Protein backbone atom coordinates (compact mmCIF):
# COMPACT_ATOMS: atom_id res chain seq x y z
CA MET A 1 3.95 -48.77 -7.96
CA PHE A 2 2.72 -46.72 -5.01
CA LYS A 3 -0.81 -45.89 -3.85
CA VAL A 4 -1.59 -42.27 -2.89
CA ILE A 5 -4.72 -40.98 -1.16
CA ILE A 6 -5.30 -37.24 -0.77
CA ASN A 7 -8.23 -36.04 1.33
CA ILE A 8 -9.34 -32.40 1.21
CA ARG A 9 -11.33 -31.55 4.33
CA THR A 10 -12.87 -28.52 6.01
CA VAL A 11 -12.73 -27.92 9.74
CA LEU A 12 -15.26 -25.38 11.00
CA ILE A 13 -14.27 -24.05 14.43
CA ASP A 14 -16.92 -22.59 16.72
CA PHE A 15 -15.07 -20.00 18.80
CA ASN A 16 -18.33 -19.12 20.57
CA SER A 17 -18.62 -22.58 22.11
CA GLU A 18 -17.11 -23.41 25.48
CA ASN A 19 -14.60 -25.95 24.13
CA PHE A 20 -14.14 -24.46 20.65
CA GLU A 21 -16.04 -27.29 18.98
CA GLU A 22 -14.73 -28.46 15.59
CA TYR A 23 -16.84 -29.82 12.74
CA LEU A 24 -14.93 -31.96 10.25
CA ASN A 25 -16.20 -32.60 6.73
CA TYR A 26 -14.57 -34.51 3.85
CA ILE A 27 -14.92 -32.40 0.70
CA GLU A 28 -13.23 -34.70 -1.81
CA SER A 29 -10.88 -37.69 -1.86
CA PHE A 30 -8.37 -38.47 -4.61
CA LYS A 31 -6.93 -41.97 -5.04
CA PHE A 32 -4.30 -42.80 -7.62
CA TYR A 33 -1.10 -44.75 -8.26
CA THR A 34 2.31 -43.44 -9.19
CA ASN A 35 5.86 -44.68 -9.70
CA LYS A 36 7.30 -41.26 -8.84
CA PRO A 37 8.30 -40.02 -5.37
CA PHE A 38 5.39 -38.15 -3.84
CA GLU A 39 6.40 -37.14 -0.31
CA GLU A 40 8.07 -33.90 -1.44
CA LYS A 41 4.89 -33.01 -3.36
CA VAL A 42 2.92 -32.96 -0.09
CA GLU A 43 4.65 -29.83 1.21
CA GLU A 44 4.60 -28.33 -2.29
CA LEU A 45 0.81 -28.67 -2.45
CA PHE A 46 0.48 -27.28 1.08
CA ILE A 47 2.39 -24.16 0.05
CA SER A 48 0.04 -23.76 -2.92
CA ILE A 49 -2.94 -24.09 -0.56
CA LEU A 50 -1.51 -21.41 1.72
CA LYS A 51 -1.09 -19.08 -1.26
CA ILE A 52 -4.79 -19.52 -1.98
CA LYS A 53 -6.11 -19.40 1.59
CA GLY A 54 -3.54 -17.25 3.38
CA ASP A 55 -3.20 -19.34 6.54
CA TRP A 56 -5.36 -21.48 8.85
CA ALA A 57 -4.52 -24.74 7.14
CA HIS A 58 -3.04 -28.06 8.25
CA TYR A 59 -1.89 -31.37 6.81
CA ASP A 60 -1.23 -34.77 8.34
CA LEU A 61 0.89 -37.21 6.31
CA ILE A 62 1.35 -40.89 7.05
CA THR A 63 3.09 -43.39 4.78
CA ASN A 64 4.59 -46.86 4.68
CA GLU A 65 6.24 -48.83 1.86
CA ASN A 66 2.88 -49.42 0.12
CA ILE A 67 0.66 -46.39 0.60
CA LEU A 68 0.71 -42.67 1.38
CA ILE A 69 -2.29 -40.93 2.96
CA VAL A 70 -2.40 -37.17 3.43
CA ASP A 71 -5.27 -35.18 4.93
CA TYR A 72 -5.34 -31.47 4.10
CA ASP A 73 -7.52 -29.46 6.45
CA LEU A 74 -8.87 -26.03 5.52
CA LEU A 75 -9.59 -24.33 8.84
CA PHE A 76 -12.41 -21.79 9.10
CA THR A 77 -13.20 -19.74 12.20
CA SER A 78 -16.95 -19.93 11.69
CA THR A 79 -19.57 -22.66 11.56
CA THR A 80 -20.96 -21.32 8.27
CA LEU A 81 -19.05 -21.10 5.00
CA THR A 82 -19.27 -17.81 3.11
CA ASP A 83 -19.25 -17.49 -0.68
CA SER A 84 -15.61 -16.44 -0.39
CA ASP A 85 -14.82 -19.59 1.63
CA LYS A 86 -16.49 -21.77 -1.00
CA LYS A 87 -14.44 -20.08 -3.73
CA VAL A 88 -11.25 -20.89 -1.77
CA ILE A 89 -12.30 -24.55 -1.53
CA ASP A 90 -12.94 -24.75 -5.28
CA MET A 91 -9.53 -23.22 -6.01
CA VAL A 92 -7.83 -25.73 -3.68
CA LEU A 93 -9.60 -28.63 -5.39
CA ASN A 94 -8.56 -27.41 -8.85
CA THR A 95 -4.94 -26.97 -7.73
CA THR A 96 -4.94 -30.50 -6.26
CA LYS A 97 -6.34 -31.99 -9.47
CA GLN A 98 -3.68 -30.26 -11.56
CA LEU A 99 -0.87 -31.63 -9.39
CA ILE A 100 -2.30 -35.15 -9.56
CA GLU A 101 -2.64 -35.07 -13.35
CA ASN A 102 1.07 -34.31 -13.63
CA ILE A 103 2.19 -37.24 -11.52
CA LYS A 104 -0.36 -40.07 -11.51
CA VAL A 105 0.05 -43.26 -13.54
CA SER A 106 -3.42 -44.70 -13.05
CA THR A 107 -6.52 -44.52 -10.86
CA VAL A 108 -7.13 -48.28 -11.04
CA ILE A 109 -4.56 -51.05 -10.60
CA ASP A 110 -4.33 -54.55 -9.17
CA SER A 111 -3.28 -54.35 -5.51
CA HIS A 112 -0.93 -57.32 -6.05
CA ASP A 113 1.14 -55.05 -8.29
CA ILE A 114 1.88 -52.58 -5.50
CA PHE A 115 1.66 -54.25 -2.11
CA LYS A 116 4.83 -55.86 -0.85
CA SER A 117 4.33 -59.02 1.16
CA ASP A 118 5.90 -59.62 4.54
CA LYS A 119 8.28 -62.02 2.79
CA ASP A 120 9.82 -59.05 1.00
CA ASN A 121 10.73 -57.43 4.30
CA ASN A 122 13.86 -57.98 6.32
CA GLU A 123 13.91 -60.94 8.66
CA ASP A 124 10.83 -61.44 10.79
CA LYS A 125 12.68 -61.33 14.11
CA GLY A 126 13.53 -57.86 15.24
CA ILE A 127 12.26 -54.72 16.91
CA ILE A 128 10.22 -51.75 15.82
CA LEU A 129 11.83 -48.51 16.91
CA LYS A 130 9.87 -45.26 17.03
CA LEU A 131 11.71 -41.93 16.84
CA GLU A 132 9.45 -39.01 17.63
CA LYS A 133 10.25 -35.31 17.27
CA HIS A 134 7.80 -32.67 18.42
CA GLY A 135 7.81 -29.24 16.83
CA GLU A 136 9.89 -30.29 13.81
CA VAL A 137 7.77 -30.14 10.65
CA THR A 138 10.13 -32.24 8.54
CA THR A 139 12.98 -34.12 10.16
CA ASP A 140 15.78 -35.31 7.88
CA HIS A 141 16.26 -39.01 8.64
CA LYS A 142 19.14 -39.51 6.20
CA GLU A 143 21.71 -39.23 9.00
CA ILE A 144 19.94 -42.01 10.90
CA GLU A 145 19.85 -44.22 7.81
CA THR A 146 23.54 -43.53 7.13
CA TYR A 147 24.43 -44.55 10.69
CA LEU A 148 22.49 -47.83 10.40
CA ASN A 149 24.06 -48.62 7.02
CA ASN A 150 27.57 -47.94 8.33
CA LYS A 151 26.93 -50.35 11.22
CA ASN A 152 25.61 -53.00 8.79
CA ILE A 153 22.29 -52.93 10.63
CA LYS A 154 19.44 -54.32 8.55
CA TYR A 155 16.38 -52.09 8.71
CA SER A 156 13.28 -51.03 6.81
CA VAL A 157 10.83 -48.16 7.26
CA VAL A 158 7.57 -49.26 8.92
CA SER A 159 5.98 -45.81 8.67
CA LYS A 160 6.70 -42.10 8.53
CA ASN A 161 4.40 -39.42 9.85
CA SER A 162 4.67 -35.65 9.58
CA SER A 163 2.31 -32.74 10.14
CA HIS A 164 2.35 -29.01 9.46
CA THR A 165 -0.01 -26.34 10.76
CA GLU A 166 -0.25 -22.67 9.83
CA SER A 167 -2.79 -20.84 11.99
CA GLY A 168 -1.13 -17.61 13.00
CA ALA A 169 1.90 -19.50 14.33
CA GLY A 170 3.46 -22.46 12.54
CA GLY A 171 3.93 -25.86 14.10
CA GLY A 172 4.13 -29.56 13.41
CA GLY A 173 5.85 -32.81 14.23
CA SER A 174 7.72 -35.72 12.71
CA GLU A 175 7.77 -39.44 13.55
CA LEU A 176 9.67 -42.39 12.13
CA LEU A 177 9.06 -46.09 12.80
CA LEU A 178 11.87 -48.46 11.77
CA PHE A 179 12.09 -52.25 11.70
CA ILE A 180 15.52 -53.26 13.03
CA ALA A 181 16.54 -56.88 12.40
CA THR A 182 17.96 -58.79 15.36
CA THR A 183 20.64 -60.48 13.24
CA ILE A 184 22.94 -57.47 13.15
CA ALA A 185 26.15 -58.29 11.29
CA SER A 186 28.27 -55.98 13.39
CA GLY A 187 26.96 -57.38 16.68
CA VAL A 188 25.62 -54.02 17.80
CA THR A 189 23.43 -54.45 20.89
CA TRP A 190 20.29 -52.40 21.57
CA ASP A 191 22.14 -50.35 24.21
CA MET A 192 24.89 -49.52 21.72
CA LEU A 193 22.31 -48.75 19.04
CA LYS A 194 20.38 -46.40 21.31
CA MET A 195 23.61 -44.67 22.33
CA GLY A 196 24.58 -44.18 18.69
CA LEU A 197 21.17 -42.83 17.72
CA SER A 198 21.14 -40.54 20.77
CA GLN A 199 24.36 -38.96 19.52
CA ILE A 200 22.62 -38.16 16.24
CA MET A 201 19.37 -36.90 17.72
CA PRO A 202 20.45 -34.36 20.44
CA PRO A 203 20.00 -31.30 18.18
CA PHE A 204 16.32 -32.21 18.06
CA GLU A 205 14.98 -31.53 21.54
CA GLY A 206 11.99 -33.59 22.57
CA THR A 207 13.01 -36.74 20.71
CA THR A 208 11.66 -39.94 22.29
CA PHE A 209 12.41 -43.64 21.65
CA LYS A 210 9.91 -46.52 21.82
CA VAL A 211 10.61 -50.21 21.18
CA LEU A 212 8.31 -53.12 20.25
CA GLU A 213 9.10 -56.65 19.07
CA SER A 214 8.16 -57.08 15.40
CA TYR A 215 6.23 -60.32 15.89
CA HIS A 216 3.83 -58.51 18.26
CA PHE A 217 3.17 -55.90 15.57
CA LYS A 218 2.41 -58.47 12.87
CA ARG A 219 0.13 -60.58 15.06
CA VAL A 220 -1.87 -57.57 16.25
CA ARG A 221 -2.04 -56.07 12.74
CA ASN A 222 -3.58 -59.34 11.48
CA ILE A 223 -6.20 -59.16 14.24
CA VAL A 224 -7.08 -55.59 13.24
CA ALA A 225 -7.17 -56.48 9.52
CA ASN A 226 -9.57 -59.39 10.13
CA ARG A 227 -11.83 -57.36 12.39
CA SER A 228 -11.90 -54.16 10.33
CA LYS A 229 -11.98 -55.92 6.92
CA ILE A 230 -9.13 -53.66 5.79
CA ASP A 231 -6.16 -55.03 3.82
CA LYS A 232 -3.25 -55.35 6.27
CA ASN A 233 -0.99 -53.52 3.81
CA GLU A 234 -3.21 -50.45 4.15
CA LEU A 235 -3.05 -50.48 7.95
CA ILE A 236 -0.26 -48.11 8.95
CA LEU A 237 1.14 -48.39 12.47
CA ILE A 238 1.48 -44.91 13.96
CA ASP A 239 1.98 -45.53 17.67
CA PHE A 240 2.28 -48.23 20.32
CA ILE A 241 2.90 -48.91 23.99
CA LYS A 242 4.04 -52.20 25.48
CA ASN A 243 3.47 -52.47 29.24
CA GLU A 244 5.67 -55.28 30.53
CA ASP A 245 4.34 -55.08 34.11
CA GLU A 246 0.67 -55.39 33.14
CA GLY A 247 1.26 -57.67 30.14
CA LEU A 248 -0.53 -55.32 27.72
CA ILE A 249 0.16 -54.32 24.13
CA GLN A 250 -1.53 -51.20 22.76
CA MET A 251 -1.36 -50.00 19.16
CA VAL A 252 -2.88 -47.30 16.98
CA PHE A 253 -3.30 -47.86 13.24
CA LYS A 254 -4.21 -45.42 10.50
CA ALA A 255 -6.25 -46.36 7.42
CA ASN A 256 -7.99 -44.04 5.00
CA LYS A 257 -10.50 -41.93 6.96
CA LYS A 258 -10.07 -44.19 9.97
CA TYR A 259 -8.01 -44.52 13.13
CA ILE A 260 -8.06 -47.79 15.07
CA TYR A 261 -7.02 -48.39 18.68
CA ILE A 262 -6.48 -51.91 19.99
CA CYS A 263 -5.35 -53.24 23.36
CA CYS A 264 -4.38 -56.91 23.74
CA ASP A 265 -2.78 -59.10 26.33
CA THR A 266 0.40 -61.00 25.48
CA LYS A 267 -1.70 -63.98 24.32
CA TYR A 268 -3.36 -61.66 21.76
CA ASN A 269 -6.76 -61.66 23.41
CA THR A 270 -8.44 -58.38 22.42
CA LEU A 271 -9.38 -56.37 25.50
CA VAL A 272 -10.34 -53.07 23.81
CA TYR A 273 -11.00 -52.28 20.15
CA LYS A 274 -12.08 -48.82 18.98
CA LEU A 275 -12.51 -47.31 15.53
CA SER A 276 -12.71 -43.53 15.81
CA ASN A 277 -10.92 -40.27 15.00
CA LYS A 278 -7.28 -39.45 15.71
CA LYS A 279 -7.94 -37.39 18.83
CA ILE A 280 -9.97 -40.09 20.59
CA VAL A 281 -7.68 -43.04 19.83
CA LYS A 282 -4.61 -41.02 20.86
CA GLU A 283 -6.31 -40.15 24.15
CA MET A 284 -7.10 -43.84 24.71
CA LEU A 285 -3.47 -44.78 24.12
CA GLU A 286 -2.11 -42.09 26.41
CA SER A 287 -4.62 -42.68 29.22
CA ASN A 288 -3.60 -46.29 29.80
């Protein structure tokens, strides 16, 4: 069983302001459980939204093995909604409800029935590898998974993130975080692994690699879960930086309607903790 959260939001953009101020508002949130694949439905619903609105829309999808969260943003180039705008919002909500009715199993279920424990994952010792592709709305990761399987490399998906924007010109991005076990049957080293993945990724310009030891991720995630009072299974890792020279570990987690930035030293003492929006926590990560 899989938990899905869909948030329909409006973003009012003030083009008369100096910095094009944006005003975000959550219109409605849908939470349900399903045993059917849902990722492909995200783009399907976005296309339906575009047919209703025309353009000026965006979605941001993040998922792990337990939960999928997608925020759909309806972008308006005014700080006041017209009657026509409100009609568009109502049509989007009705379309979303219809899609959910066709796929949901339940709106209430015991979390123990869906959340996989850490014991279900591959071995605890390993690395988390982030593959990031800018400008690619949906990147097909099957070739990467095929390569890892052929090399007998044990792995699991930590999180997947994709976004799509239509506002005159289309754009987006795609990110994949993988857990790679250190006990690799074929004896492939990290250098060999990176070389092999690099041979797969060249067609996608702008791809970057990041690496973090898995035990750091789990320790820091537990700190965030305890401090935020959010179930650790609903904290989705979306980015990280490990600074060996300064002995710092920085991570950004996504939960429903929340982004969390944390910076720790290697003894897991919390130096900075911030719960805010995506833009601010990303800026904090990139500025350090």
